[in-house]
Amino acid sequence: MHFLQREILLNQPVENIWQFMATPANLNELTPPELNFRIISDLPETMYNGLMIEYRIGIPLFGNWRWLTEIKHIREGEYFVDEQRIGPYRLWYHQHRIEAAGNNQTHMIDRVSYKLPFGVLGELVHQLRVKKMLEQIFDYRAQQLTRLFGSTVPGTKDANPKSST
């Protein structure tokens, strides 16, 4: 199992950040263009528990993938989870958490737990490519959030640098 945690302090109140994050179509703005991300399913204006979102994603060196996620565990204004149902990972569990940070700022935390398929081969691919690719995707996400909302302290935390299988 591998873990990735990213944190950013955004210069907007929680309500504004939550409204943006709770709008499924905004995922397009947070995904790097080189992934050729396309949402396939019809989207509601606001997410809800059990919402299934299907999209296609092009992963450099790994081809195009169908990805189906379910939105779960929503606590309005605080957090939600997207969990892969179909896609390139054996397990993908991504918690999006937002917290008031004072002075109309919001502390946003992304926590991802994931596992690749193919056992030892999957671990090798993780070390050679996937770990860096995910870091780049979340770097892009932080840049976009900073562009949209302003940020004072973007940061990266690897929750478990010695990930295990």
Protein backbone atom coordinates (compact mmCIF):
# COMPACT_ATOMS: atom_id res chain seq x y z
CA MET A 1 0.00 0.00 0.00
CA HIS A 2 1.20 3.52 -0.80
CA PHE A 3 0.18 6.87 0.60
CA LEU A 4 0.37 10.41 -0.69
CA GLN A 5 -0.62 13.48 1.29
CA ARG A 6 -0.65 17.03 0.01
CA GLU A 7 -1.61 20.18 1.86
CA ILE A 8 -2.20 23.72 0.70
CA LEU A 9 -3.38 26.90 2.40
CA LEU A 10 -5.82 28.77 0.16
CA ASN A 11 -6.79 32.42 0.49
CA GLN A 12 -10.55 31.83 0.43
CA PRO A 13 -13.08 30.87 3.09
CA VAL A 14 -14.12 27.24 3.46
CA GLU A 15 -17.51 27.90 1.85
CA ASN A 16 -15.91 29.00 -1.44
CA ILE A 17 -13.47 26.10 -1.56
CA TRP A 18 -16.21 23.60 -0.69
CA GLN A 19 -18.49 24.96 -3.42
CA PHE A 20 -15.71 24.55 -5.98
CA MET A 21 -14.72 21.04 -4.82
CA ALA A 22 -18.35 19.87 -4.58
CA THR A 23 -18.92 20.68 -8.27
CA PRO A 24 -17.84 17.55 -10.18
CA ALA A 25 -17.20 19.40 -13.47
CA ASN A 26 -14.40 21.37 -11.79
CA LEU A 27 -12.24 18.25 -11.79
CA ASN A 28 -11.30 19.20 -15.36
CA GLU A 29 -9.52 22.32 -14.11
CA LEU A 30 -7.42 20.32 -11.64
CA THR A 31 -6.20 17.65 -14.06
CA PRO A 32 -3.04 18.14 -16.17
CA PRO A 33 -3.82 18.51 -19.90
CA GLU A 34 -1.35 15.75 -20.88
CA LEU A 35 -3.68 13.20 -19.24
CA ASN A 36 -6.35 13.87 -21.91
CA PHE A 37 -8.97 13.75 -19.17
CA ARG A 38 -12.58 13.48 -20.38
CA ILE A 39 -15.66 13.07 -18.21
CA ILE A 40 -17.99 10.59 -19.90
CA SER A 41 -20.95 10.46 -17.52
CA ASP A 42 -23.60 13.14 -17.06
CA LEU A 43 -22.81 15.26 -14.02
CA PRO A 44 -25.07 16.94 -11.50
CA GLU A 45 -24.28 20.47 -10.41
CA THR A 46 -23.30 19.23 -6.94
CA MET A 47 -21.93 15.88 -5.81
CA TYR A 48 -23.86 13.52 -3.57
CA ASN A 49 -23.17 10.27 -1.73
CA GLY A 50 -23.08 7.41 -4.19
CA LEU A 51 -22.45 9.58 -7.26
CA MET A 52 -20.62 7.55 -9.89
CA ILE A 53 -18.37 9.52 -12.25
CA GLU A 54 -16.98 7.84 -15.32
CA TYR A 55 -14.14 9.33 -17.27
CA ARG A 56 -11.35 8.44 -19.64
CA ILE A 57 -7.79 9.28 -18.82
CA GLY A 58 -4.65 8.90 -20.88
CA ILE A 59 -1.69 7.88 -18.76
CA PRO A 60 1.64 8.52 -20.51
CA LEU A 61 3.39 5.21 -21.26
CA PHE A 62 0.37 3.25 -19.96
CA GLY A 63 -2.32 4.09 -22.54
CA ASN A 64 -5.93 5.15 -22.16
CA TRP A 65 -8.00 3.97 -19.23
CA ARG A 66 -11.63 3.94 -18.25
CA TRP A 67 -11.92 5.18 -14.69
CA LEU A 68 -15.07 4.96 -12.62
CA THR A 69 -15.12 6.58 -9.19
CA GLU A 70 -17.77 6.73 -6.52
CA ILE A 71 -18.19 9.78 -4.30
CA LYS A 72 -18.62 8.63 -0.70
CA HIS A 73 -18.56 9.69 2.93
CA ILE A 74 -19.54 13.30 2.30
CA ARG A 75 -19.53 15.57 5.31
CA GLU A 76 -20.77 18.88 3.93
CA GLY A 77 -18.15 21.62 4.17
CA GLU A 78 -15.51 19.28 5.63
CA TYR A 79 -14.57 16.30 3.47
CA PHE A 80 -15.52 13.69 0.92
CA VAL A 81 -13.92 10.60 -0.59
CA ASP A 82 -13.61 9.44 -4.16
CA GLU A 83 -13.01 5.73 -4.44
CA GLN A 84 -12.08 3.93 -7.66
CA ARG A 85 -14.53 1.26 -8.81
CA ILE A 86 -12.89 0.58 -12.21
CA GLY A 87 -9.50 1.87 -13.28
CA PRO A 88 -5.74 1.47 -13.35
CA TYR A 89 -5.25 0.91 -9.61
CA ARG A 90 -5.97 -2.16 -7.54
CA LEU A 91 -7.09 0.30 -4.83
CA TRP A 92 -7.60 4.08 -4.94
CA TYR A 93 -9.07 5.90 -1.93
CA HIS A 94 -8.77 9.70 -2.04
CA GLN A 95 -10.00 11.84 0.84
CA HIS A 96 -10.44 15.56 0.16
CA ARG A 97 -10.50 17.47 3.46
CA ILE A 98 -10.94 21.21 4.01
CA GLU A 99 -10.61 23.09 7.28
CA ALA A 100 -11.00 26.73 8.25
CA ALA A 101 -7.59 28.25 8.90
CA GLY A 102 -8.57 31.72 10.13
CA ASN A 103 -8.42 35.04 8.27
CA ASN A 104 -10.80 33.66 5.61
CA GLN A 105 -8.28 31.00 4.62
CA THR A 106 -8.79 27.29 4.06
CA HIS A 107 -6.38 24.46 4.76
CA MET A 108 -6.97 21.79 2.11
CA ILE A 109 -5.60 18.28 2.55
CA ASP A 110 -5.57 15.50 -0.03
CA ARG A 111 -4.89 12.03 1.36
CA VAL A 112 -4.57 9.20 -1.11
CA SER A 113 -4.16 5.51 -0.28
CA TYR A 114 -3.45 3.41 -3.34
CA LYS A 115 -2.12 0.10 -4.53
CA LEU A 116 -1.09 -0.98 -7.99
CA PRO A 117 -1.93 -4.35 -9.52
CA PHE A 118 0.62 -6.96 -10.63
CA GLY A 119 2.43 -7.54 -7.31
CA VAL A 120 6.21 -7.13 -7.55
CA LEU A 121 5.99 -5.82 -11.12
CA GLY A 122 3.49 -3.20 -9.96
CA GLU A 123 5.88 -2.15 -7.19
CA LEU A 124 8.70 -1.77 -9.69
CA VAL A 125 6.49 0.36 -11.96
CA HIS A 126 5.52 2.43 -8.91
CA GLN A 127 9.15 3.20 -8.11
CA LEU A 128 10.13 3.84 -11.73
CA ARG A 129 7.17 5.93 -12.85
CA VAL A 130 3.88 6.02 -10.94
CA LYS A 131 5.08 7.70 -7.75
CA LYS A 132 6.65 10.59 -9.67
CA MET A 133 3.65 10.84 -12.00
CA LEU A 134 1.25 11.17 -9.05
CA GLU A 135 3.49 13.80 -7.47
CA GLN A 136 3.40 15.77 -10.74
CA ILE A 137 -0.39 15.47 -10.95
CA PHE A 138 -0.78 16.80 -7.41
CA ASP A 139 1.78 19.56 -8.11
CA TYR A 140 -0.38 20.64 -11.04
CA ARG A 141 -3.46 20.50 -8.83
CA ALA A 142 -1.78 22.79 -6.26
CA GLN A 143 -0.73 25.21 -9.01
CA GLN A 144 -4.28 25.38 -10.34
CA LEU A 145 -5.78 25.88 -6.88
CA THR A 146 -3.24 28.63 -6.22
CA ARG A 147 -4.10 30.28 -9.54
CA LEU A 148 -7.83 30.12 -8.76
CA PHE A 149 -7.82 31.00 -5.07
CA GLY A 150 -4.39 32.28 -4.08
CA SER A 151 -2.14 30.46 -1.66
CA THR A 152 0.52 31.36 0.83
CA VAL A 153 1.97 27.99 1.81
CA PRO A 154 1.67 25.17 -0.71
CA GLY A 155 3.23 22.02 0.64
CA THR A 156 3.90 18.38 0.08
CA LYS A 157 3.93 15.64 2.63
CA ASP A 158 4.59 12.04 1.81
CA ALA A 159 2.59 10.35 4.53
CA ASN A 160 4.69 7.22 4.33
CA PRO A 161 7.97 7.62 2.44
CA LYS A 162 8.76 3.94 2.95
CA SER A 163 5.53 2.65 1.43
CA SER A 164 5.01 -1.05 1.82
CA THR A 165 3.13 -3.68 -0.10
